[in-house]
Amino acid sequence: MTEIPHILIVDDHREIRDAVSRYLEKNGMRATAARDAVEMDARLAAGRFDLIILDIMMPGEDGLSVCRRLSSAGGPPILMLTALGEDTDRIVGLEIGADDYLPKPFNPRELLARIKAILRRADTPEQPAGGLSGKRIAFADWVLDTDKRSLNSGGGAEEELTTAEFRLLAVFLQRPRMVLSRDELLDLTAGRSPHLFDRTIDNQVSRLRRKIEKDPSKPHIITTVRGGGYCLSVDVHELAG
C-alpha cells in the first residue's frame, strides 16, 4: 500500500475512539472516528477507508449487524472489537465476514499489528481466488462469478457471498476432490492465527452449505470426510467468456 492507510474507528466510547485515533496517527496512519452506525454510514459516504475497526456492543445498530451489511456489500476489511470471553460473538463475526477480531481490553501494539496484517492481505485482493480471478467457474448446478463474488444456479437463483464465504469456496474450487483438513482450510483462507480455531471453519462450511446445497443436512457438494476434514466432491470447469 503506497498511500497512507485511512482507518475508520466505530465505537460508542469516546475514550477508546480518541486513544486509538492518536495511536494510529502516531504510527503513520490516518484515523477518523464514528460513535455509532449512523455516523459510520455518513463517514463512508463522504470518503474512502482502507479498514474499519468496529465495536460489537453499540447503541442502535450493533456491530454484528453492521458487519453483515458491509460484508455483503463488499465494504472495507473489518477488525471487530469484542468483549473479553465472548466466543460466540467472535465466531459469528468471522462467519459473517469480519477479517479479524480483538478482545477488549487490548494492547495498542497488538491492534496495530493486526491492522497491518489485514492491510497486507487486502493489498492482494486476487490472492483468495488465486488462478480463478476474473473467471466464471461452474460446479454442480452453480456458476461462480469471481469478479462479482456471486453465485447463480441453472434455476435462476442467485446468492451473494460474504468475504469469508468467497475465500472458502475459492479454496475448494481450486482443489476439487481433494480432502482438506481444518488446519489447511484455516491457513488457506485466513492465515494461521492463535485466535482462529477449527470451529470457525465448521461454521463457515455450514453457512456455505446453506447457500449451495439442496439439502444442507445431506450435503453432496462439500462433503465431510471423517477424521480428515472437508472435500469438494464435484467436478469444476471454467466457462468461456
C-alpha atoms as a PDB file:
ATOM      1  CA  MET A   1       0.000   0.000   0.000  1.00  0.00           C
ATOM      2  CA  THR A   2       1.610   3.229  -1.179  1.00  0.00           C
ATOM      3  CA  GLU A   3      -0.865   5.731   0.293  1.00  0.00           C
ATOM      4  CA  ILE A   4      -1.257   6.384   3.991  1.00  0.00           C
ATOM      5  CA  PRO A   5      -3.876   3.912   5.285  1.00  0.00           C
ATOM      6  CA  HIS A   6      -7.117   5.571   6.395  1.00  0.00           C
ATOM      7  CA  ILE A   7      -8.788   3.780   9.300  1.00  0.00           C
ATOM      8  CA  LEU A   8     -12.384   4.317  10.450  1.00  0.00           C
ATOM      9  CA  ILE A   9     -12.902   3.682  14.185  1.00  0.00           C
ATOM     10  CA  VAL A  10     -16.506   2.911  15.142  1.00  0.00           C
ATOM     11  CA  ASP A  11     -17.044   2.742  18.912  1.00  0.00           C
ATOM     12  CA  ASP A  12     -19.514   4.400  21.265  1.00  0.00           C
ATOM     13  CA  HIS A  13     -16.799   5.024  23.899  1.00  0.00           C
ATOM     14  CA  ARG A  14     -15.155   8.367  23.229  1.00  0.00           C
ATOM     15  CA  GLU A  15     -12.063   7.437  25.248  1.00  0.00           C
ATOM     16  CA  ILE A  16     -11.417   4.429  23.019  1.00  0.00           C
ATOM     17  CA  ARG A  17     -12.034   6.394  19.826  1.00  0.00           C
ATOM     18  CA  ASP A  18      -9.666   9.144  20.881  1.00  0.00           C
ATOM     19  CA  ALA A  19      -6.942   6.835  22.203  1.00  0.00           C
ATOM     20  CA  VAL A  20      -6.947   4.597  19.129  1.00  0.00           C
ATOM     21  CA  SER A  21      -7.002   7.599  16.790  1.00  0.00           C
ATOM     22  CA  ARG A  22      -3.983   9.145  18.490  1.00  0.00           C
ATOM     23  CA  TYR A  23      -2.063   5.869  18.484  1.00  0.00           C
ATOM     24  CA  LEU A  24      -2.714   5.160  14.805  1.00  0.00           C
ATOM     25  CA  GLU A  25      -1.790   8.685  13.763  1.00  0.00           C
ATOM     26  CA  LYS A  26       1.385   8.455  15.844  1.00  0.00           C
ATOM     27  CA  ASN A  27       2.230   5.327  13.831  1.00  0.00           C
ATOM     28  CA  GLY A  28       1.774   6.852  10.400  1.00  0.00           C
ATOM     29  CA  MET A  29      -1.905   6.246   9.671  1.00  0.00           C
ATOM     30  CA  ARG A  30      -4.921   8.474   9.184  1.00  0.00           C
ATOM     31  CA  ALA A  31      -7.803   7.981  11.598  1.00  0.00           C
ATOM     32  CA  THR A  32     -11.447   9.041  11.526  1.00  0.00           C
ATOM     33  CA  ALA A  33     -13.918   8.222  14.298  1.00  0.00           C
ATOM     34  CA  ALA A  34     -17.648   7.499  14.489  1.00  0.00           C
ATOM     35  CA  ARG A  35     -19.698   6.829  17.608  1.00  0.00           C
ATOM     36  CA  ASP A  36     -22.363   4.597  16.009  1.00  0.00           C
ATOM     37  CA  ALA A  37     -23.590   3.074  12.754  1.00  0.00           C
ATOM     38  CA  VAL A  38     -25.337   6.273  11.672  1.00  0.00           C
ATOM     39  CA  GLU A  39     -22.145   8.326  11.915  1.00  0.00           C
ATOM     40  CA  MET A  40     -20.221   5.471  10.296  1.00  0.00           C
ATOM     41  CA  ASP A  41     -22.513   5.481   7.258  1.00  0.00           C
ATOM     42  CA  ALA A  42     -22.058   9.233   6.914  1.00  0.00           C
ATOM     43  CA  ARG A  43     -18.262   8.876   7.062  1.00  0.00           C
ATOM     44  CA  LEU A  44     -18.308   6.072   4.485  1.00  0.00           C
ATOM     45  CA  ALA A  45     -20.475   8.141   2.150  1.00  0.00           C
ATOM     46  CA  ALA A  46     -18.050  11.055   2.388  1.00  0.00           C
ATOM     47  CA  GLY A  47     -14.742   9.272   1.872  1.00  0.00           C
ATOM     48  CA  ARG A  48     -12.747   6.103   1.267  1.00  0.00           C
ATOM     49  CA  PHE A  49     -11.368   3.946   4.074  1.00  0.00           C
ATOM     50  CA  ASP A  50      -8.895   1.083   3.997  1.00  0.00           C
ATOM     51  CA  LEU A  51     -10.140  -0.649   7.150  1.00  0.00           C
ATOM     52  CA  ILE A  52     -12.871  -0.352   9.777  1.00  0.00           C
ATOM     53  CA  ILE A  53     -12.325  -1.023  13.474  1.00  0.00           C
ATOM     54  CA  LEU A  54     -15.817  -1.976  14.610  1.00  0.00           C
ATOM     55  CA  ASP A  55     -17.100  -2.456  18.154  1.00  0.00           C
ATOM     56  CA  ILE A  56     -19.784  -5.112  18.600  1.00  0.00           C
ATOM     57  CA  MET A  57     -21.663  -3.529  21.502  1.00  0.00           C
ATOM     58  CA  MET A  58     -23.050  -0.207  20.272  1.00  0.00           C
ATOM     59  CA  PRO A  59     -26.358   1.619  20.712  1.00  0.00           C
ATOM     60  CA  GLY A  60     -28.693   1.397  17.737  1.00  0.00           C
ATOM     61  CA  GLU A  61     -27.470  -0.991  15.062  1.00  0.00           C
ATOM     62  CA  ASP A  62     -24.946  -3.317  16.698  1.00  0.00           C
ATOM     63  CA  GLY A  63     -21.575  -4.307  15.298  1.00  0.00           C
ATOM     64  CA  LEU A  64     -22.631  -7.754  14.076  1.00  0.00           C
ATOM     65  CA  SER A  65     -25.474  -6.263  12.043  1.00  0.00           C
ATOM     66  CA  VAL A  66     -23.124  -3.615  10.636  1.00  0.00           C
ATOM     67  CA  CYS A  67     -20.524  -6.241   9.772  1.00  0.00           C
ATOM     68  CA  ARG A  68     -23.072  -8.383   7.940  1.00  0.00           C
ATOM     69  CA  ARG A  69     -24.357  -5.375   5.993  1.00  0.00           C
ATOM     70  CA  LEU A  70     -20.926  -4.081   4.980  1.00  0.00           C
ATOM     71  CA  SER A  71     -19.512  -7.508   4.105  1.00  0.00           C
ATOM     72  CA  SER A  72     -22.453  -8.359   1.850  1.00  0.00           C
ATOM     73  CA  ALA A  73     -21.956  -5.027   0.058  1.00  0.00           C
ATOM     74  CA  GLY A  74     -18.222  -5.600  -0.453  1.00  0.00           C
ATOM     75  CA  GLY A  75     -17.128  -2.932   2.033  1.00  0.00           C
ATOM     76  CA  PRO A  76     -13.653  -2.366   3.518  1.00  0.00           C
ATOM     77  CA  PRO A  77     -11.942  -5.020   5.668  1.00  0.00           C
ATOM     78  CA  ILE A  78     -13.269  -5.165   9.228  1.00  0.00           C
ATOM     79  CA  LEU A  79     -11.485  -5.738  12.520  1.00  0.00           C
ATOM     80  CA  MET A  80     -14.052  -6.345  15.252  1.00  0.00           C
ATOM     81  CA  LEU A  81     -13.652  -5.417  18.911  1.00  0.00           C
ATOM     82  CA  THR A  82     -15.349  -7.898  21.242  1.00  0.00           C
ATOM     83  CA  ALA A  83     -15.905  -8.192  24.969  1.00  0.00           C
ATOM     84  CA  LEU A  84     -13.382 -10.466  26.662  1.00  0.00           C
ATOM     85  CA  GLY A  85     -14.613 -14.053  26.735  1.00  0.00           C
ATOM     86  CA  GLU A  86     -17.467 -13.588  24.245  1.00  0.00           C
ATOM     87  CA  ASP A  87     -16.518 -16.518  21.991  1.00  0.00           C
ATOM     88  CA  THR A  88     -19.934 -16.635  20.343  1.00  0.00           C
ATOM     89  CA  ASP A  89     -19.640 -13.050  19.116  1.00  0.00           C
ATOM     90  CA  ARG A  90     -16.161 -13.757  17.764  1.00  0.00           C
ATOM     91  CA  ILE A  91     -17.281 -16.844  15.864  1.00  0.00           C
ATOM     92  CA  VAL A  92     -20.347 -15.118  14.415  1.00  0.00           C
ATOM     93  CA  GLY A  93     -18.265 -12.092  13.433  1.00  0.00           C
ATOM     94  CA  LEU A  94     -15.817 -14.247  11.493  1.00  0.00           C
ATOM     95  CA  GLU A  95     -18.674 -16.171   9.889  1.00  0.00           C
ATOM     96  CA  ILE A  96     -20.365 -13.061   8.526  1.00  0.00           C
ATOM     97  CA  GLY A  97     -17.248 -11.529   7.034  1.00  0.00           C
ATOM     98  CA  ALA A  98     -15.032  -9.921   9.680  1.00  0.00           C
ATOM     99  CA  ASP A  99     -11.349 -10.240   8.793  1.00  0.00           C
ATOM    100  CA  ASP A 100     -10.123 -10.472  12.378  1.00  0.00           C
ATOM    101  CA  TYR A 101     -11.132  -9.595  15.916  1.00  0.00           C
ATOM    102  CA  LEU A 102      -9.532  -8.358  19.102  1.00  0.00           C
ATOM    103  CA  PRO A 103     -10.977  -8.711  22.622  1.00  0.00           C
ATOM    104  CA  LYS A 104     -11.190  -5.725  24.959  1.00  0.00           C
ATOM    105  CA  PRO A 105      -9.120  -4.581  26.742  1.00  0.00           C
ATOM    106  CA  PHE A 106      -6.393  -4.775  24.113  1.00  0.00           C
ATOM    107  CA  ASN A 107      -2.764  -3.804  23.724  1.00  0.00           C
ATOM    108  CA  PRO A 108      -2.432  -0.975  21.157  1.00  0.00           C
ATOM    109  CA  ARG A 109       0.655  -2.671  19.693  1.00  0.00           C
ATOM    110  CA  GLU A 110      -1.346  -5.823  19.006  1.00  0.00           C
ATOM    111  CA  LEU A 111      -4.108  -3.741  17.437  1.00  0.00           C
ATOM    112  CA  LEU A 112      -1.575  -2.095  15.143  1.00  0.00           C
ATOM    113  CA  ALA A 113      -0.037  -5.453  14.205  1.00  0.00           C
ATOM    114  CA  ARG A 114      -3.427  -6.894  13.324  1.00  0.00           C
ATOM    115  CA  ILE A 115      -4.331  -3.829  11.253  1.00  0.00           C
ATOM    116  CA  LYS A 116      -1.096  -4.143   9.284  1.00  0.00           C
ATOM    117  CA  ALA A 117      -1.704  -7.852   8.695  1.00  0.00           C
ATOM    118  CA  ILE A 118      -5.215  -7.204   7.360  1.00  0.00           C
ATOM    119  CA  LEU A 119      -3.981  -4.398   5.116  1.00  0.00           C
ATOM    120  CA  ARG A 120      -1.270  -6.668   3.686  1.00  0.00           C
ATOM    121  CA  ARG A 121      -3.917  -9.227   2.765  1.00  0.00           C
ATOM    122  CA  ALA A 122      -6.182  -6.518   1.337  1.00  0.00           C
ATOM    123  CA  ASP A 123      -3.312  -5.273  -0.822  1.00  0.00           C
ATOM    124  CA  THR A 124      -3.541  -8.512  -2.829  1.00  0.00           C
ATOM    125  CA  PRO A 125      -7.286  -8.949  -3.396  1.00  0.00           C
ATOM    126  CA  GLU A 126      -6.724 -11.500  -6.128  1.00  0.00           C
ATOM    127  CA  GLN A 127      -4.978 -13.870  -3.780  1.00  0.00           C
ATOM    128  CA  PRO A 128      -8.053 -15.542  -2.212  1.00  0.00           C
ATOM    129  CA  ALA A 129      -9.282 -16.565  -5.663  1.00  0.00           C
ATOM    130  CA  GLY A 130      -5.787 -17.395  -6.911  1.00  0.00           C
ATOM    131  CA  GLY A 131      -5.952 -18.662 -10.501  1.00  0.00           C
ATOM    132  CA  LEU A 132      -9.736 -18.242 -10.523  1.00  0.00           C
ATOM    133  CA  SER A 133      -9.612 -14.447 -10.549  1.00  0.00           C
ATOM    134  CA  GLY A 134     -11.612 -12.850 -13.352  1.00  0.00           C
ATOM    135  CA  LYS A 135     -13.247 -16.141 -14.347  1.00  0.00           C
ATOM    136  CA  ARG A 136     -16.647 -17.827 -14.260  1.00  0.00           C
ATOM    137  CA  ILE A 137     -16.411 -21.231 -12.650  1.00  0.00           C
ATOM    138  CA  ALA A 138     -19.085 -23.930 -12.949  1.00  0.00           C
ATOM    139  CA  PHE A 139     -19.626 -26.663 -10.366  1.00  0.00           C
ATOM    140  CA  ALA A 140     -22.671 -28.794  -9.612  1.00  0.00           C
ATOM    141  CA  ASP A 141     -25.648 -26.565 -10.523  1.00  0.00           C
ATOM    142  CA  TRP A 142     -23.835 -23.323  -9.776  1.00  0.00           C
ATOM    143  CA  VAL A 143     -21.691 -20.749 -11.561  1.00  0.00           C
ATOM    144  CA  LEU A 144     -19.366 -18.535  -9.519  1.00  0.00           C
ATOM    145  CA  ASP A 145     -18.538 -15.102 -10.940  1.00  0.00           C
ATOM    146  CA  THR A 146     -15.237 -14.368  -9.181  1.00  0.00           C
ATOM    147  CA  ASP A 147     -15.320 -10.665 -10.025  1.00  0.00           C
ATOM    148  CA  LYS A 148     -18.817 -10.107  -8.634  1.00  0.00           C
ATOM    149  CA  ARG A 149     -18.418 -12.737  -5.904  1.00  0.00           C
ATOM    150  CA  SER A 150     -21.882 -14.003  -6.739  1.00  0.00           C
ATOM    151  CA  LEU A 151     -23.358 -17.441  -7.375  1.00  0.00           C
ATOM    152  CA  ASN A 152     -26.001 -18.218  -9.974  1.00  0.00           C
ATOM    153  CA  SER A 153     -27.841 -21.507 -10.410  1.00  0.00           C
ATOM    154  CA  GLY A 154     -29.368 -23.058 -13.509  1.00  0.00           C
ATOM    155  CA  GLY A 155     -32.772 -22.407 -11.963  1.00  0.00           C
ATOM    156  CA  GLY A 156     -32.161 -18.662 -11.771  1.00  0.00           C
ATOM    157  CA  ALA A 157     -31.338 -18.444  -8.074  1.00  0.00           C
ATOM    158  CA  GLU A 158     -28.615 -16.004  -7.079  1.00  0.00           C
ATOM    159  CA  GLU A 159     -26.604 -15.923  -3.873  1.00  0.00           C
ATOM    160  CA  GLU A 160     -24.286 -13.173  -2.686  1.00  0.00           C
ATOM    161  CA  LEU A 161     -21.190 -14.335  -0.805  1.00  0.00           C
ATOM    162  CA  THR A 162     -19.515 -12.705   2.160  1.00  0.00           C
ATOM    163  CA  THR A 163     -15.755 -12.266   2.008  1.00  0.00           C
ATOM    164  CA  ALA A 164     -15.228 -15.307   4.249  1.00  0.00           C
ATOM    165  CA  GLU A 165     -17.600 -17.468   2.179  1.00  0.00           C
ATOM    166  CA  PHE A 166     -15.954 -16.414  -1.071  1.00  0.00           C
ATOM    167  CA  ARG A 167     -12.469 -17.211   0.215  1.00  0.00           C
ATOM    168  CA  LEU A 168     -13.572 -20.610   1.460  1.00  0.00           C
ATOM    169  CA  LEU A 169     -15.392 -21.519  -1.760  1.00  0.00           C
ATOM    170  CA  ALA A 170     -12.427 -20.351  -3.866  1.00  0.00           C
ATOM    171  CA  VAL A 171     -10.118 -22.643  -1.898  1.00  0.00           C
ATOM    172  CA  PHE A 172     -12.412 -25.622  -2.557  1.00  0.00           C
ATOM    173  CA  LEU A 173     -12.846 -24.801  -6.252  1.00  0.00           C
ATOM    174  CA  GLN A 174      -9.085 -24.695  -6.765  1.00  0.00           C
ATOM    175  CA  ARG A 175      -8.762 -28.141  -5.149  1.00  0.00           C
ATOM    176  CA  PRO A 176     -11.727 -30.239  -6.306  1.00  0.00           C
ATOM    177  CA  ARG A 177     -11.969 -33.752  -4.886  1.00  0.00           C
ATOM    178  CA  MET A 178      -9.080 -33.103  -2.503  1.00  0.00           C
ATOM    179  CA  VAL A 179      -9.556 -33.725   1.208  1.00  0.00           C
ATOM    180  CA  LEU A 180      -8.626 -30.568   3.106  1.00  0.00           C
ATOM    181  CA  SER A 181      -8.134 -30.608   6.863  1.00  0.00           C
ATOM    182  CA  ARG A 182      -9.465 -27.827   9.056  1.00  0.00           C
ATOM    183  CA  ASP A 183      -5.907 -26.633   9.679  1.00  0.00           C
ATOM    184  CA  GLU A 184      -5.266 -26.432   5.934  1.00  0.00           C
ATOM    185  CA  LEU A 185      -8.504 -24.529   5.374  1.00  0.00           C
ATOM    186  CA  LEU A 186      -7.627 -22.063   8.139  1.00  0.00           C
ATOM    187  CA  ASP A 187      -4.193 -21.482   6.619  1.00  0.00           C
ATOM    188  CA  LEU A 188      -5.532 -21.100   3.074  1.00  0.00           C
ATOM    189  CA  THR A 189      -8.447 -18.792   3.900  1.00  0.00           C
ATOM    190  CA  ALA A 190      -7.192 -16.559   6.698  1.00  0.00           C
ATOM    191  CA  GLY A 191      -3.630 -17.467   7.603  1.00  0.00           C
ATOM    192  CA  ARG A 192      -2.897 -19.272  10.831  1.00  0.00           C
ATOM    193  CA  SER A 193      -3.740 -17.197  13.886  1.00  0.00           C
ATOM    194  CA  PRO A 194      -3.843 -18.277  17.531  1.00  0.00           C
ATOM    195  CA  HIS A 195      -7.346 -16.772  17.776  1.00  0.00           C
ATOM    196  CA  LEU A 196      -8.780 -18.850  14.925  1.00  0.00           C
ATOM    197  CA  PHE A 197      -9.840 -22.400  15.631  1.00  0.00           C
ATOM    198  CA  ASP A 198     -11.373 -25.451  13.996  1.00  0.00           C
ATOM    199  CA  ARG A 199     -14.933 -24.466  14.911  1.00  0.00           C
ATOM    200  CA  THR A 200     -14.560 -21.343  12.771  1.00  0.00           C
ATOM    201  CA  ILE A 201     -14.154 -23.470   9.645  1.00  0.00           C
ATOM    202  CA  ASP A 202     -17.030 -25.761  10.640  1.00  0.00           C
ATOM    203  CA  ASN A 203     -19.335 -22.755  10.979  1.00  0.00           C
ATOM    204  CA  GLN A 204     -18.216 -21.234   7.681  1.00  0.00           C
ATOM    205  CA  VAL A 205     -18.735 -24.537   5.872  1.00  0.00           C
ATOM    206  CA  SER A 206     -22.234 -24.789   7.390  1.00  0.00           C
ATOM    207  CA  ARG A 207     -23.132 -21.296   6.177  1.00  0.00           C
ATOM    208  CA  LEU A 208     -21.784 -22.020   2.696  1.00  0.00           C
ATOM    209  CA  ARG A 209     -23.699 -25.304   2.534  1.00  0.00           C
ATOM    210  CA  ARG A 210     -26.938 -23.479   3.346  1.00  0.00           C
ATOM    211  CA  LYS A 211     -26.407 -21.425   0.202  1.00  0.00           C
ATOM    212  CA  ILE A 212     -25.306 -24.109  -2.278  1.00  0.00           C
ATOM    213  CA  GLU A 213     -26.700 -27.467  -1.135  1.00  0.00           C
ATOM    214  CA  LYS A 214     -30.238 -28.604  -1.975  1.00  0.00           C
ATOM    215  CA  ASP A 215     -30.344 -30.302   1.414  1.00  0.00           C
ATOM    216  CA  PRO A 216     -27.668 -28.896   3.755  1.00  0.00           C
ATOM    217  CA  SER A 217     -28.290 -31.754   6.203  1.00  0.00           C
ATOM    218  CA  LYS A 218     -27.239 -34.229   3.470  1.00  0.00           C
ATOM    219  CA  PRO A 219     -24.523 -32.349   1.568  1.00  0.00           C
ATOM    220  CA  HIS A 220     -23.203 -33.727  -1.702  1.00  0.00           C
ATOM    221  CA  ILE A 221     -21.150 -30.746  -2.940  1.00  0.00           C
ATOM    222  CA  ILE A 222     -18.985 -30.064   0.118  1.00  0.00           C
ATOM    223  CA  THR A 223     -18.774 -33.366   1.953  1.00  0.00           C
ATOM    224  CA  THR A 224     -17.348 -34.209   5.348  1.00  0.00           C
ATOM    225  CA  VAL A 225     -14.532 -36.725   5.489  1.00  0.00           C
ATOM    226  CA  ARG A 226     -14.459 -38.414   8.864  1.00  0.00           C
ATOM    227  CA  GLY A 227     -11.124 -37.836  10.560  1.00  0.00           C
ATOM    228  CA  GLY A 228      -9.930 -35.801   7.597  1.00  0.00           C
ATOM    229  CA  GLY A 229     -11.838 -32.593   7.023  1.00  0.00           C
ATOM    230  CA  TYR A 230     -13.854 -31.480   4.012  1.00  0.00           C
ATOM    231  CA  CYS A 231     -13.865 -32.147   0.279  1.00  0.00           C
ATOM    232  CA  LEU A 232     -15.469 -30.529  -2.769  1.00  0.00           C
ATOM    233  CA  SER A 233     -16.948 -33.720  -4.223  1.00  0.00           C
ATOM    234  CA  VAL A 234     -17.999 -32.419  -7.652  1.00  0.00           C
ATOM    235  CA  ASP A 235     -16.195 -31.568 -10.868  1.00  0.00           C
ATOM    236  CA  VAL A 236     -15.164 -27.986 -11.640  1.00  0.00           C
ATOM    237  CA  HIS A 237     -14.666 -26.314 -15.004  1.00  0.00           C
ATOM    238  CA  GLU A 238     -14.173 -22.811 -16.375  1.00  0.00           C
ATOM    239  CA  LEU A 239     -16.812 -21.266 -18.630  1.00  0.00           C
ATOM    240  CA  ALA A 240     -15.783 -19.422 -21.768  1.00  0.00           C
ATOM    241  CA  GLY A 241     -16.418 -15.688 -21.930  1.00  0.00           C
END
